[in-house]
């Protein structure tokens, strides 16, 4: 999962760690992870993250 998440350019290691710890199942949960971040993750990238998480859970 980590390797696939690293392919998404905007994600930093701390984001990847948070995603793995939380395993968000929908867009609302994923948005919570980025609520206090300066980085802007596109909706397409968010969909990719959710797809990756679902593949591994």
PDB file of N, CA and C in Angstrom:
ATOM      1  N   UNK A   1       0.834  -1.183   0.000  1.00  0.00           N
ATOM      2  CA  UNK A   1       0.000   0.000   0.000  1.00  0.00           C
ATOM      3  C   UNK A   1       0.883   1.252   0.000  1.00  0.00           C
ATOM      4  N   UNK A   2       1.942   1.227   0.775  1.00  0.00           N
ATOM      5  CA  UNK A   2       2.825   2.395   0.879  1.00  0.00           C
ATOM      6  C   UNK A   2       3.408   2.754  -0.481  1.00  0.00           C
ATOM      7  N   UNK A   3       3.863   1.762  -1.207  1.00  0.00           N
ATOM      8  CA  UNK A   3       4.473   2.020  -2.513  1.00  0.00           C
ATOM      9  C   UNK A   3       3.483   2.664  -3.477  1.00  0.00           C
ATOM     10  N   UNK A   4       2.263   2.205  -3.462  1.00  0.00           N
ATOM     11  CA  UNK A   4       1.257   2.784  -4.356  1.00  0.00           C
ATOM     12  C   UNK A   4       0.892   4.201  -3.939  1.00  0.00           C
ATOM     13  N   UNK A   5       0.811   4.441  -2.633  1.00  0.00           N
ATOM     14  CA  UNK A   5       0.501   5.791  -2.159  1.00  0.00           C
ATOM     15  C   UNK A   5       1.634   6.759  -2.479  1.00  0.00           C
ATOM     16  N   UNK A   6       2.864   6.285  -2.459  1.00  0.00           N
ATOM     17  CA  UNK A   6       4.010   7.146  -2.780  1.00  0.00           C
ATOM     18  C   UNK A   6       3.981   7.630  -4.228  1.00  0.00           C
ATOM     19  N   UNK A   7       3.275   6.948  -5.080  1.00  0.00           N
ATOM     20  CA  UNK A   7       3.173   7.360  -6.491  1.00  0.00           C
ATOM     21  C   UNK A   7       2.325   8.617  -6.661  1.00  0.00           C
ATOM     22  N   UNK A   8       1.547   8.964  -5.649  1.00  0.00           N
ATOM     23  CA  UNK A   8       0.730  10.175  -5.700  1.00  0.00           C
ATOM     24  C   UNK A   8       1.612  11.328  -5.228  1.00  0.00           C
ATOM     25  N   UNK A   9       1.932  12.231  -6.146  1.00  0.00           N
ATOM     26  CA  UNK A   9       2.948  13.258  -5.928  1.00  0.00           C
ATOM     27  C   UNK A   9       2.726  14.131  -4.704  1.00  0.00           C
ATOM     28  N   UNK A  10       1.526  14.568  -4.446  1.00  0.00           N
ATOM     29  CA  UNK A  10       1.258  15.527  -3.375  1.00  0.00           C
ATOM     30  C   UNK A  10       1.389  14.929  -1.975  1.00  0.00           C
ATOM     31  N   UNK A  11       1.343  13.614  -1.865  1.00  0.00           N
ATOM     32  CA  UNK A  11       1.377  12.985  -0.548  1.00  0.00           C
ATOM     33  C   UNK A  11       2.793  12.947   0.011  1.00  0.00           C
ATOM     34  N   UNK A  12       2.923  13.389   1.242  1.00  0.00           N
ATOM     35  CA  UNK A  12       4.188  13.314   1.966  1.00  0.00           C
ATOM     36  C   UNK A  12       4.132  12.076   2.863  1.00  0.00           C
ATOM     37  N   UNK A  13       5.265  11.735   3.430  1.00  0.00           N
ATOM     38  CA  UNK A  13       5.319  10.537   4.285  1.00  0.00           C
ATOM     39  C   UNK A  13       4.338  10.623   5.445  1.00  0.00           C
ATOM     40  N   UNK A  14       4.193  11.795   6.028  1.00  0.00           N
ATOM     41  CA  UNK A  14       3.258  11.924   7.166  1.00  0.00           C
ATOM     42  C   UNK A  14       1.815  11.692   6.721  1.00  0.00           C
ATOM     43  N   UNK A  15       1.501  12.089   5.481  1.00  0.00           N
ATOM     44  CA  UNK A  15       0.154  11.841   4.959  1.00  0.00           C
ATOM     45  C   UNK A  15      -0.063  10.339   4.775  1.00  0.00           C
ATOM     46  N   UNK A  16       0.940   9.679   4.218  1.00  0.00           N
ATOM     47  CA  UNK A  16       0.841   8.239   3.972  1.00  0.00           C
ATOM     48  C   UNK A  16       0.673   7.497   5.298  1.00  0.00           C
ATOM     49  N   UNK A  17       1.438   7.902   6.316  1.00  0.00           N
ATOM     50  CA  UNK A  17       1.314   7.273   7.637  1.00  0.00           C
ATOM     51  C   UNK A  17      -0.084   7.471   8.207  1.00  0.00           C
ATOM     52  N   UNK A  18      -0.628   8.664   8.054  1.00  0.00           N
ATOM     53  CA  UNK A  18      -1.983   8.937   8.552  1.00  0.00           C
ATOM     54  C   UNK A  18      -3.019   8.104   7.818  1.00  0.00           C
ATOM     55  N   UNK A  19      -2.865   7.978   6.515  1.00  0.00           N
ATOM     56  CA  UNK A  19      -3.804   7.179   5.712  1.00  0.00           C
ATOM     57  C   UNK A  19      -3.764   5.724   6.163  1.00  0.00           C
ATOM     58  N   UNK A  20      -2.568   5.193   6.368  1.00  0.00           N
ATOM     59  CA  UNK A  20      -2.432   3.801   6.788  1.00  0.00           C
ATOM     60  C   UNK A  20      -3.001   3.597   8.187  1.00  0.00           C
ATOM     61  N   UNK A  21      -2.789   4.556   9.073  1.00  0.00           N
ATOM     62  CA  UNK A  21      -3.318   4.438  10.433  1.00  0.00           C
ATOM     63  C   UNK A  21      -4.837   4.528  10.474  1.00  0.00           C
ATOM     64  N   UNK A  22      -5.404   5.408   9.656  1.00  0.00           N
ATOM     65  CA  UNK A  22      -6.843   5.645   9.695  1.00  0.00           C
ATOM     66  C   UNK A  22      -7.624   4.732   8.747  1.00  0.00           C
ATOM     67  N   UNK A  23      -7.028   4.374   7.620  1.00  0.00           N
ATOM     68  CA  UNK A  23      -7.699   3.596   6.577  1.00  0.00           C
ATOM     69  C   UNK A  23      -9.071   4.187   6.233  1.00  0.00           C
ATOM     70  N   UNK A  24      -9.083   5.402   5.708  1.00  0.00           N
ATOM     71  CA  UNK A  24     -10.360   6.054   5.391  1.00  0.00           C
ATOM     72  C   UNK A  24     -11.163   5.252   4.369  1.00  0.00           C
ATOM     73  N   UNK A  25     -12.465   5.190   4.603  1.00  0.00           N
ATOM     74  CA  UNK A  25     -13.339   4.420   3.731  1.00  0.00           C
ATOM     75  C   UNK A  25     -14.181   5.280   2.793  1.00  0.00           C
ATOM     76  N   UNK A  26     -14.203   6.592   3.035  1.00  0.00           N
ATOM     77  CA  UNK A  26     -14.961   7.466   2.145  1.00  0.00           C
ATOM     78  C   UNK A  26     -14.292   8.838   2.080  1.00  0.00           C
ATOM     79  N   UNK A  27     -14.807   9.681   1.220  1.00  0.00           N
ATOM     80  CA  UNK A  27     -14.208  10.988   0.967  1.00  0.00           C
ATOM     81  C   UNK A  27     -14.222  11.869   2.219  1.00  0.00           C
ATOM     82  N   UNK A  28     -15.262  11.779   3.031  1.00  0.00           N
ATOM     83  CA  UNK A  28     -15.341  12.592   4.249  1.00  0.00           C
ATOM     84  C   UNK A  28     -14.222  12.244   5.225  1.00  0.00           C
ATOM     85  N   UNK A  29     -13.981  10.968   5.414  1.00  0.00           N
ATOM     86  CA  UNK A  29     -12.901  10.554   6.309  1.00  0.00           C
ATOM     87  C   UNK A  29     -11.546  10.996   5.763  1.00  0.00           C
ATOM     88  N   UNK A  30     -11.376  10.916   4.473  1.00  0.00           N
ATOM     89  CA  UNK A  30     -10.119  11.326   3.846  1.00  0.00           C
ATOM     90  C   UNK A  30      -9.913  12.833   3.972  1.00  0.00           C
ATOM     91  N   UNK A  31     -10.975  13.590   3.810  1.00  0.00           N
ATOM     92  CA  UNK A  31     -10.871  15.048   3.930  1.00  0.00           C
ATOM     93  C   UNK A  31     -10.432  15.455   5.329  1.00  0.00           C
ATOM     94  N   UNK A  32     -10.829  14.689   6.341  1.00  0.00           N
ATOM     95  CA  UNK A  32     -10.405  14.983   7.711  1.00  0.00           C
ATOM     96  C   UNK A  32      -8.881  14.937   7.847  1.00  0.00           C
ATOM     97  N   UNK A  33      -8.255  14.026   7.127  1.00  0.00           N
ATOM     98  CA  UNK A  33      -6.802  13.907   7.203  1.00  0.00           C
ATOM     99  C   UNK A  33      -6.099  15.156   6.666  1.00  0.00           C
ATOM    100  N   UNK A  34      -6.709  15.816   5.705  1.00  0.00           N
ATOM    101  CA  UNK A  34      -6.082  16.968   5.068  1.00  0.00           C
ATOM    102  C   UNK A  34      -6.665  18.298   5.534  1.00  0.00           C
ATOM    103  N   UNK A  35      -7.536  18.274   6.523  1.00  0.00           N
ATOM    104  CA  UNK A  35      -8.229  19.485   6.957  1.00  0.00           C
ATOM    105  C   UNK A  35      -7.273  20.566   7.449  1.00  0.00           C
ATOM    106  N   UNK A  36      -6.236  20.204   8.150  1.00  0.00           N
ATOM    107  CA  UNK A  36      -5.312  21.183   8.717  1.00  0.00           C
ATOM    108  C   UNK A  36      -4.006  21.283   7.932  1.00  0.00           C
ATOM    109  N   UNK A  37      -3.993  20.772   6.734  1.00  0.00           N
ATOM    110  CA  UNK A  37      -2.785  20.770   5.913  1.00  0.00           C
ATOM    111  C   UNK A  37      -2.795  21.927   4.925  1.00  0.00           C
ATOM    112  N   UNK A  38      -1.612  22.397   4.601  1.00  0.00           N
ATOM    113  CA  UNK A  38      -1.470  23.454   3.604  1.00  0.00           C
ATOM    114  C   UNK A  38      -1.568  22.873   2.193  1.00  0.00           C
ATOM    115  N   UNK A  39      -1.117  21.654   2.019  1.00  0.00           N
ATOM    116  CA  UNK A  39      -1.117  21.009   0.709  1.00  0.00           C
ATOM    117  C   UNK A  39      -2.551  20.791   0.217  1.00  0.00           C
ATOM    118  N   UNK A  40      -2.749  20.991  -1.069  1.00  0.00           N
ATOM    119  CA  UNK A  40      -4.054  20.763  -1.669  1.00  0.00           C
ATOM    120  C   UNK A  40      -3.984  19.492  -2.509  1.00  0.00           C
ATOM    121  N   UNK A  41      -4.791  18.523  -2.138  1.00  0.00           N
ATOM    122  CA  UNK A  41      -4.842  17.257  -2.860  1.00  0.00           C
ATOM    123  C   UNK A  41      -6.090  17.273  -3.726  1.00  0.00           C
ATOM    124  N   UNK A  42      -5.903  17.009  -5.007  1.00  0.00           N
ATOM    125  CA  UNK A  42      -7.028  17.060  -5.944  1.00  0.00           C
ATOM    126  C   UNK A  42      -8.034  15.949  -5.646  1.00  0.00           C
ATOM    127  N   UNK A  43      -9.243  16.131  -6.131  1.00  0.00           N
ATOM    128  CA  UNK A  43     -10.274  15.104  -5.949  1.00  0.00           C
ATOM    129  C   UNK A  43      -9.872  13.803  -6.637  1.00  0.00           C
ATOM    130  N   UNK A  44      -9.211  13.906  -7.788  1.00  0.00           N
ATOM    131  CA  UNK A  44      -8.752  12.695  -8.481  1.00  0.00           C
ATOM    132  C   UNK A  44      -7.745  11.926  -7.625  1.00  0.00           C
ATOM    133  N   UNK A  45      -6.818  12.659  -7.006  1.00  0.00           N
ATOM    134  CA  UNK A  45      -5.834  11.999  -6.140  1.00  0.00           C
ATOM    135  C   UNK A  45      -6.508  11.401  -4.911  1.00  0.00           C
ATOM    136  N   UNK A  46      -7.502  12.073  -4.379  1.00  0.00           N
ATOM    137  CA  UNK A  46      -8.241  11.532  -3.230  1.00  0.00           C
ATOM    138  C   UNK A  46      -8.951  10.238  -3.617  1.00  0.00           C
ATOM    139  N   UNK A  47      -9.505  10.211  -4.814  1.00  0.00           N
ATOM    140  CA  UNK A  47     -10.170   8.992  -5.292  1.00  0.00           C
ATOM    141  C   UNK A  47      -9.165   7.861  -5.446  1.00  0.00           C
ATOM    142  N   UNK A  48      -7.956   8.198  -5.915  1.00  0.00           N
ATOM    143  CA  UNK A  48      -6.900   7.189  -6.037  1.00  0.00           C
ATOM    144  C   UNK A  48      -6.539   6.630  -4.669  1.00  0.00           C
ATOM    145  N   UNK A  49      -6.420   7.514  -3.675  1.00  0.00           N
ATOM    146  CA  UNK A  49      -6.095   7.077  -2.316  1.00  0.00           C
ATOM    147  C   UNK A  49      -7.157   6.112  -1.811  1.00  0.00           C
ATOM    148  N   UNK A  50      -8.416   6.467  -1.967  1.00  0.00           N
ATOM    149  CA  UNK A  50      -9.511   5.593  -1.503  1.00  0.00           C
ATOM    150  C   UNK A  50      -9.492   4.254  -2.225  1.00  0.00           C
ATOM    151  N   UNK A  51      -9.194   4.284  -3.504  1.00  0.00           N
ATOM    152  CA  UNK A  51      -9.116   3.059  -4.283  1.00  0.00           C
ATOM    153  C   UNK A  51      -7.994   2.151  -3.771  1.00  0.00           C
ATOM    154  N   UNK A  52      -6.856   2.745  -3.479  1.00  0.00           N
ATOM    155  CA  UNK A  52      -5.715   1.978  -2.957  1.00  0.00           C
ATOM    156  C   UNK A  52      -6.062   1.377  -1.597  1.00  0.00           C
ATOM    157  N   UNK A  53      -6.659   2.180  -0.728  1.00  0.00           N
ATOM    158  CA  UNK A  53      -7.020   1.704   0.607  1.00  0.00           C
ATOM    159  C   UNK A  53      -8.004   0.537   0.501  1.00  0.00           C
ATOM    160  N   UNK A  54      -8.998   0.680  -0.346  1.00  0.00           N
ATOM    161  CA  UNK A  54     -10.005  -0.385  -0.490  1.00  0.00           C
ATOM    162  C   UNK A  54      -9.398  -1.675  -1.029  1.00  0.00           C
ATOM    163  N   UNK A  55      -8.395  -1.531  -1.889  1.00  0.00           N
ATOM    164  CA  UNK A  55      -7.747  -2.707  -2.456  1.00  0.00           C
ATOM    165  C   UNK A  55      -7.027  -3.522  -1.375  1.00  0.00           C
ATOM    166  N   UNK A  56      -6.516  -2.858  -0.355  1.00  0.00           N
ATOM    167  CA  UNK A  56      -5.727  -3.518   0.663  1.00  0.00           C
ATOM    168  C   UNK A  56      -6.489  -3.821   1.956  1.00  0.00           C
ATOM    169  N   UNK A  57      -7.768  -3.431   2.012  1.00  0.00           N
ATOM    170  CA  UNK A  57      -8.532  -3.714   3.241  1.00  0.00           C
ATOM    171  C   UNK A  57      -9.675  -4.649   2.958  1.00  0.00           C
TER     172      UNK A  57
END
